[in-house]
Amino acid sequence: MNNILYINCTAKPQDRYGKVLREAGYRVHSGTWAELMPRMRNGTLSAQLVLAVCKILNAETGERLRTLTRAARSVPCVLVSEGMTVESYLRAQALGISEYLCEPVDDDELLRVVSALMQSFQQRKQSAAARSAGCC
């Protein structure tokens, strides 16, 4: 299962990243923060990766991302934003963001990051299942 939750927090809804991911074979659930977060919180929408696209990382966006990473628990979260600074990168890391990409993001780079994070997530999940089953 390769489900990706794609949250677009920008004023101009675009689906460029969703299109790239779908063409690569991922199942993408796209929508706005208001549409997708309630489903994420109550467990009716599961994903192996969350991609959040936000214009800038400010206080409001930061609080949303904190809520997102708590709701996603161990699921890797990728933030795509404009104008990354060292401060915004460190803030994103403190919020639990797995990877921070600066727009414009090259399609190949996006796919490389998504693939690596999803592989890592699957390996951690399999290891945890083996440990809980008493194996290894």
Protein backbone atom coordinates (compact mmCIF):
# COMPACT_ATOMS: atom_id res chain seq x y z
CA MET A 1 0.00 0.00 0.00
CA ASN A 2 1.53 3.32 -1.10
CA ASN A 3 -0.94 5.88 0.24
CA ILE A 4 0.17 9.50 0.37
CA LEU A 5 -1.80 12.25 2.06
CA TYR A 6 -1.20 15.47 0.09
CA ILE A 7 -2.26 18.60 1.96
CA ASN A 8 -2.11 21.86 0.06
CA CYS A 9 -2.08 24.84 2.44
CA THR A 10 -1.49 27.44 -0.27
CA ALA A 11 -4.04 29.95 -1.47
CA LYS A 12 -3.76 28.64 -5.03
CA PRO A 13 -4.72 24.99 -5.13
CA GLN A 14 -2.44 23.11 -7.47
CA ASP A 15 -2.00 19.43 -7.95
CA ARG A 16 1.41 19.31 -9.61
CA TYR A 17 2.99 17.18 -6.90
CA GLY A 18 -0.07 14.93 -6.71
CA LYS A 19 0.10 14.38 -10.46
CA VAL A 20 3.81 13.48 -10.31
CA LEU A 21 3.20 11.02 -7.47
CA ARG A 22 0.16 9.42 -9.16
CA GLU A 23 2.13 8.96 -12.38
CA ALA A 24 4.82 7.17 -10.34
CA GLY A 25 2.21 4.72 -9.05
CA TYR A 26 1.35 6.18 -5.65
CA ARG A 27 -2.20 6.45 -4.39
CA VAL A 28 -2.66 10.13 -3.48
CA HIS A 29 -5.41 11.60 -1.29
CA SER A 30 -5.34 15.34 -2.04
CA GLY A 31 -7.17 18.17 -0.40
CA THR A 32 -6.99 21.17 1.84
CA TRP A 33 -6.10 21.21 5.50
CA ALA A 34 -9.79 21.57 6.48
CA GLU A 35 -10.82 18.62 4.31
CA LEU A 36 -8.14 16.10 5.27
CA MET A 37 -7.07 16.73 8.87
CA PRO A 38 -10.38 15.68 10.51
CA ARG A 39 -10.20 12.35 8.65
CA MET A 40 -6.55 11.92 9.65
CA ARG A 41 -7.34 12.64 13.31
CA ASN A 42 -10.25 10.21 13.55
CA GLY A 43 -8.45 7.43 11.70
CA THR A 44 -10.69 7.23 8.62
CA LEU A 45 -7.77 8.18 6.36
CA SER A 46 -4.48 6.36 6.65
CA ALA A 47 -1.28 7.09 4.82
CA GLN A 48 2.31 5.90 4.70
CA LEU A 49 3.54 9.44 4.02
CA VAL A 50 2.21 12.97 4.37
CA LEU A 51 3.18 15.72 1.93
CA ALA A 52 2.28 19.23 3.09
CA VAL A 53 2.74 22.17 0.73
CA CYS A 54 2.74 25.56 2.43
CA LYS A 55 3.77 28.94 1.09
CA ILE A 56 5.77 29.87 4.17
CA LEU A 57 6.53 28.40 7.57
CA ASN A 58 4.99 30.91 9.97
CA ALA A 59 3.33 30.56 13.40
CA GLU A 60 -0.03 29.41 11.97
CA THR A 61 1.55 26.93 9.60
CA GLY A 62 3.83 25.73 12.39
CA GLU A 63 0.87 24.97 14.64
CA ARG A 64 -0.87 23.10 11.83
CA LEU A 65 2.26 21.07 11.18
CA ARG A 66 2.58 20.25 14.88
CA THR A 67 -1.02 18.97 14.82
CA LEU A 68 -0.28 17.05 11.63
CA THR A 69 2.81 15.29 12.96
CA ARG A 70 0.96 14.33 16.14
CA ALA A 71 -1.96 12.92 14.14
CA ALA A 72 0.38 11.12 11.74
CA ARG A 73 2.36 9.57 14.64
CA SER A 74 5.18 7.57 13.08
CA VAL A 75 4.28 8.40 9.47
CA PRO A 76 6.96 10.47 7.73
CA CYS A 77 5.95 14.03 6.88
CA VAL A 78 7.47 16.06 4.04
CA LEU A 79 7.11 19.84 3.96
CA VAL A 80 7.43 21.77 0.71
CA SER A 81 7.70 25.53 1.16
CA GLU A 82 9.16 28.66 -0.38
CA GLY A 83 12.33 30.31 0.82
CA MET A 84 13.89 27.84 3.24
CA THR A 85 16.21 29.36 5.82
CA VAL A 86 18.32 27.63 8.46
CA GLU A 87 15.82 28.87 11.06
CA SER A 88 12.79 27.50 9.18
CA TYR A 89 14.58 24.19 8.56
CA LEU A 90 15.40 23.78 12.26
CA ARG A 91 11.85 24.76 13.19
CA ALA A 92 10.43 22.16 10.80
CA GLN A 93 12.70 19.51 12.31
CA ALA A 94 11.53 20.48 15.82
CA LEU A 95 7.92 20.10 14.63
CA GLY A 96 8.61 16.51 13.55
CA ILE A 97 8.96 17.07 9.81
CA SER A 98 11.02 14.28 8.23
CA GLU A 99 12.14 16.21 5.16
CA TYR A 100 11.91 19.88 4.17
CA LEU A 101 12.05 20.72 0.46
CA CYS A 102 12.27 24.23 -0.96
CA GLU A 103 10.16 25.18 -3.97
CA PRO A 104 10.54 24.72 -6.81
CA VAL A 105 11.02 21.00 -6.25
CA ASP A 106 12.38 18.91 -9.09
CA ASP A 107 10.11 15.94 -9.87
CA ASP A 108 12.99 13.46 -9.57
CA GLU A 109 14.01 14.89 -6.20
CA LEU A 110 10.43 14.63 -4.91
CA LEU A 111 10.18 11.01 -6.02
CA ARG A 112 13.59 10.14 -4.53
CA VAL A 113 12.65 11.64 -1.14
CA VAL A 114 9.20 10.02 -1.11
CA SER A 115 10.58 6.62 -2.10
CA ALA A 116 13.33 6.69 0.54
CA LEU A 117 10.98 7.78 3.33
CA MET A 118 8.34 5.21 2.39
CA GLN A 119 10.94 2.41 2.31
CA SER A 120 12.24 3.46 5.71
CA PHE A 121 8.68 3.60 7.09
CA GLN A 122 7.89 0.11 5.77
CA GLN A 123 11.11 -1.31 7.24
CA ARG A 124 10.39 0.22 10.67
CA LYS A 125 6.85 -1.13 10.53
CA GLN A 126 8.04 -4.66 9.64
CA SER A 127 10.69 -4.58 12.38
CA ALA A 128 8.12 -3.50 14.96
CA ALA A 129 5.74 -6.26 13.85
CA ALA A 130 8.52 -8.87 14.10
CA ARG A 131 9.49 -7.67 17.59
CA SER A 132 5.88 -7.73 18.81
CA ALA A 133 5.48 -11.26 17.40
CA GLY A 134 8.48 -12.37 19.46
CA CYS A 135 10.67 -12.93 16.44
CA CYS A 136 14.26 -11.67 16.30
